Amino acid sequence: MDENKRAFLDKTPSDEEMKEIVIEELRKIYDPELPVNIYDLGLIYNVECWTNEVSLMKWCKITMTLTSATCSMSDVIVDLVKSISKRVEYLENVDVDIVFDPPWDQSKMSDEAKLAMGML
């Protein structure tokens, strides 16, 4: 491995570190209709990050759902999630996979989200 490649890889976060960075960014995105971020709301089912072998940059796939299949703000939320790659250094791409199985329900909310919604 040449020196430039090694130096670049030494500066980049590990896949697990990138996952934690992305989760922190997800916590900054609030559902436009609720006073809770999408991570604590339980809309994020999985975050997987890896190194692209060609660019050596990180790629992440986020599997998420919406509070309902007819959510009028779905495009806004997905665009905000995809835009994480523009704000995080060494993150080249964020792919978003929207799923509705299992369906979202209030049990997926964190205690912080339930408290913010007056449910605790």
C-alpha atoms as a PDB file:
ATOM      1  CA  MET A   1       0.000   0.000   0.000  1.00  0.00           C
ATOM      2  CA  ASP A   2       1.449   3.376  -0.960  1.00  0.00           C
ATOM      3  CA  GLU A   3       2.093   6.128   1.605  1.00  0.00           C
ATOM      4  CA  ASN A   4      -0.716   8.433   0.429  1.00  0.00           C
ATOM      5  CA  LYS A   5      -3.307   5.674   0.667  1.00  0.00           C
ATOM      6  CA  ARG A   6      -2.079   4.615   4.106  1.00  0.00           C
ATOM      7  CA  ALA A   7      -2.080   8.236   5.358  1.00  0.00           C
ATOM      8  CA  PHE A   8      -5.626   8.733   4.096  1.00  0.00           C
ATOM      9  CA  LEU A   9      -6.837   5.526   5.746  1.00  0.00           C
ATOM     10  CA  ASP A  10      -5.135   6.495   9.013  1.00  0.00           C
ATOM     11  CA  LYS A  11      -7.231   9.702   9.114  1.00  0.00           C
ATOM     12  CA  THR A  12     -10.588   8.121   8.301  1.00  0.00           C
ATOM     13  CA  PRO A  13     -12.845   6.827  11.055  1.00  0.00           C
ATOM     14  CA  SER A  14     -13.442   3.094  11.331  1.00  0.00           C
ATOM     15  CA  ASP A  15     -16.736   1.702  10.053  1.00  0.00           C
ATOM     16  CA  GLU A  16     -18.061   1.528  13.624  1.00  0.00           C
ATOM     17  CA  GLU A  17     -16.924   5.093  14.379  1.00  0.00           C
ATOM     18  CA  MET A  18     -18.643   6.299  11.198  1.00  0.00           C
ATOM     19  CA  LYS A  19     -21.833   4.535  12.283  1.00  0.00           C
ATOM     20  CA  GLU A  20     -21.767   6.453  15.574  1.00  0.00           C
ATOM     21  CA  ILE A  21     -21.135   9.740  13.739  1.00  0.00           C
ATOM     22  CA  VAL A  22     -24.086   9.060  11.430  1.00  0.00           C
ATOM     23  CA  ILE A  23     -26.339   8.218  14.398  1.00  0.00           C
ATOM     24  CA  GLU A  24     -25.425  11.561  15.984  1.00  0.00           C
ATOM     25  CA  GLU A  25     -26.383  13.284  12.719  1.00  0.00           C
ATOM     26  CA  LEU A  26     -29.680  11.361  12.642  1.00  0.00           C
ATOM     27  CA  ARG A  27     -30.416  12.706  16.127  1.00  0.00           C
ATOM     28  CA  LYS A  28     -30.241  16.227  14.662  1.00  0.00           C
ATOM     29  CA  ILE A  29     -33.071  15.509  12.191  1.00  0.00           C
ATOM     30  CA  TYR A  30     -36.509  16.143  13.625  1.00  0.00           C
ATOM     31  CA  ASP A  31     -39.780  14.860  12.265  1.00  0.00           C
ATOM     32  CA  PRO A  32     -41.375  18.042  10.864  1.00  0.00           C
ATOM     33  CA  GLU A  33     -44.682  17.156  12.521  1.00  0.00           C
ATOM     34  CA  LEU A  34     -43.357  16.040  15.932  1.00  0.00           C
ATOM     35  CA  PRO A  35     -40.956  17.536  18.510  1.00  0.00           C
ATOM     36  CA  VAL A  36     -38.728  14.430  18.414  1.00  0.00           C
ATOM     37  CA  ASN A  37     -35.710  13.454  16.328  1.00  0.00           C
ATOM     38  CA  ILE A  38     -36.143  10.551  13.930  1.00  0.00           C
ATOM     39  CA  TYR A  39     -33.629   8.323  15.749  1.00  0.00           C
ATOM     40  CA  ASP A  40     -35.305   8.561  19.163  1.00  0.00           C
ATOM     41  CA  LEU A  41     -38.701   8.357  17.483  1.00  0.00           C
ATOM     42  CA  GLY A  42     -37.679   4.846  16.438  1.00  0.00           C
ATOM     43  CA  LEU A  43     -37.799   5.419  12.692  1.00  0.00           C
ATOM     44  CA  ILE A  44     -34.239   4.132  12.184  1.00  0.00           C
ATOM     45  CA  TYR A  45     -34.053   0.346  12.099  1.00  0.00           C
ATOM     46  CA  ASN A  46     -30.420  -0.127  11.055  1.00  0.00           C
ATOM     47  CA  VAL A  47     -27.273   1.817  10.176  1.00  0.00           C
ATOM     48  CA  GLU A  48     -24.533  -0.052   8.353  1.00  0.00           C
ATOM     49  CA  CYS A  49     -21.277   1.598   7.229  1.00  0.00           C
ATOM     50  CA  TRP A  50     -18.354   0.293   5.203  1.00  0.00           C
ATOM     51  CA  THR A  51     -15.364   1.475   3.194  1.00  0.00           C
ATOM     52  CA  ASN A  52     -15.745   1.779  -0.564  1.00  0.00           C
ATOM     53  CA  GLU A  53     -12.732  -0.089  -1.931  1.00  0.00           C
ATOM     54  CA  VAL A  54     -12.311   2.262  -4.906  1.00  0.00           C
ATOM     55  CA  SER A  55     -12.674   5.706  -3.324  1.00  0.00           C
ATOM     56  CA  LEU A  56     -11.599   4.615   0.200  1.00  0.00           C
ATOM     57  CA  MET A  57     -14.446   6.786   1.505  1.00  0.00           C
ATOM     58  CA  LYS A  58     -17.227   5.554   3.759  1.00  0.00           C
ATOM     59  CA  TRP A  59     -20.649   4.537   2.519  1.00  0.00           C
ATOM     60  CA  CYS A  60     -23.628   3.949   4.779  1.00  0.00           C
ATOM     61  CA  LYS A  61     -26.974   2.277   4.306  1.00  0.00           C
ATOM     62  CA  ILE A  62     -29.780   3.400   6.576  1.00  0.00           C
ATOM     63  CA  THR A  63     -32.845   1.203   6.861  1.00  0.00           C
ATOM     64  CA  MET A  64     -35.733   3.201   8.206  1.00  0.00           C
ATOM     65  CA  THR A  65     -39.474   3.526   8.266  1.00  0.00           C
ATOM     66  CA  LEU A  66     -41.996   6.323   8.586  1.00  0.00           C
ATOM     67  CA  THR A  67     -44.774   6.772  11.110  1.00  0.00           C
ATOM     68  CA  SER A  68     -47.206   5.894   8.313  1.00  0.00           C
ATOM     69  CA  ALA A  69     -47.018   4.853   4.667  1.00  0.00           C
ATOM     70  CA  THR A  70     -48.931   8.018   3.762  1.00  0.00           C
ATOM     71  CA  CYS A  71     -46.586  10.395   5.591  1.00  0.00           C
ATOM     72  CA  SER A  72     -46.772  13.689   3.724  1.00  0.00           C
ATOM     73  CA  MET A  73     -43.265  14.647   4.825  1.00  0.00           C
ATOM     74  CA  SER A  74     -41.546  11.446   3.660  1.00  0.00           C
ATOM     75  CA  ASP A  75     -39.563  13.135   0.861  1.00  0.00           C
ATOM     76  CA  VAL A  76     -38.348  15.859   3.214  1.00  0.00           C
ATOM     77  CA  ILE A  77     -37.232  13.349   5.853  1.00  0.00           C
ATOM     78  CA  VAL A  78     -35.459  11.093   3.338  1.00  0.00           C
ATOM     79  CA  ASP A  79     -33.691  14.081   1.737  1.00  0.00           C
ATOM     80  CA  LEU A  80     -32.484  15.222   5.162  1.00  0.00           C
ATOM     81  CA  VAL A  81     -31.117  11.747   5.899  1.00  0.00           C
ATOM     82  CA  LYS A  82     -29.351  11.543   2.528  1.00  0.00           C
ATOM     83  CA  SER A  83     -27.840  14.993   3.085  1.00  0.00           C
ATOM     84  CA  ILE A  84     -25.782  13.651   5.994  1.00  0.00           C
ATOM     85  CA  SER A  85     -23.100  12.737   3.462  1.00  0.00           C
ATOM     86  CA  LYS A  86     -22.691  16.446   2.647  1.00  0.00           C
ATOM     87  CA  ARG A  87     -22.000  17.301   6.298  1.00  0.00           C
ATOM     88  CA  VAL A  88     -19.756  14.447   7.436  1.00  0.00           C
ATOM     89  CA  GLU A  89     -16.116  14.286   6.417  1.00  0.00           C
ATOM     90  CA  TYR A  90     -15.017  11.015   4.749  1.00  0.00           C
ATOM     91  CA  LEU A  91     -18.653   9.981   4.137  1.00  0.00           C
ATOM     92  CA  GLU A  92     -19.222   9.714   0.402  1.00  0.00           C
ATOM     93  CA  ASN A  93     -22.710   8.239   0.182  1.00  0.00           C
ATOM     94  CA  VAL A  94     -25.812   7.519   2.239  1.00  0.00           C
ATOM     95  CA  ASP A  95     -28.314   5.085   0.799  1.00  0.00           C
ATOM     96  CA  VAL A  96     -31.772   5.097   2.390  1.00  0.00           C
ATOM     97  CA  ASP A  97     -34.005   2.052   2.318  1.00  0.00           C
ATOM     98  CA  ILE A  98     -37.601   2.748   3.427  1.00  0.00           C
ATOM     99  CA  VAL A  99     -39.399  -0.309   4.792  1.00  0.00           C
ATOM    100  CA  PHE A 100     -42.811  -0.782   6.368  1.00  0.00           C
ATOM    101  CA  ASP A 101     -42.250  -4.247   7.794  1.00  0.00           C
ATOM    102  CA  PRO A 102     -42.132  -4.251  10.712  1.00  0.00           C
ATOM    103  CA  PRO A 103     -44.518  -1.318  10.916  1.00  0.00           C
ATOM    104  CA  TRP A 104     -43.632   1.569  13.206  1.00  0.00           C
ATOM    105  CA  ASP A 105     -45.492   1.877  16.492  1.00  0.00           C
ATOM    106  CA  GLN A 106     -44.974   3.824  19.707  1.00  0.00           C
ATOM    107  CA  SER A 107     -43.069   0.968  21.348  1.00  0.00           C
ATOM    108  CA  LYS A 108     -40.074   1.815  19.115  1.00  0.00           C
ATOM    109  CA  MET A 109     -39.707   5.269  20.713  1.00  0.00           C
ATOM    110  CA  SER A 110     -36.928   5.925  23.226  1.00  0.00           C
ATOM    111  CA  ASP A 111     -37.858   7.041  26.726  1.00  0.00           C
ATOM    112  CA  GLU A 112     -36.565  10.525  25.829  1.00  0.00           C
ATOM    113  CA  ALA A 113     -38.974  10.658  22.882  1.00  0.00           C
ATOM    114  CA  LYS A 114     -41.877   9.450  25.005  1.00  0.00           C
ATOM    115  CA  LEU A 115     -41.068  12.107  27.606  1.00  0.00           C
ATOM    116  CA  ALA A 116     -40.943  14.838  24.928  1.00  0.00           C
ATOM    117  CA  MET A 117     -44.331  13.694  23.628  1.00  0.00           C
ATOM    118  CA  GLY A 118     -45.849  13.664  27.134  1.00  0.00           C
ATOM    119  CA  MET A 119     -46.202   9.894  27.166  1.00  0.00           C
ATOM    120  CA  LEU A 120     -44.178   9.306  30.353  1.00  0.00           C
END
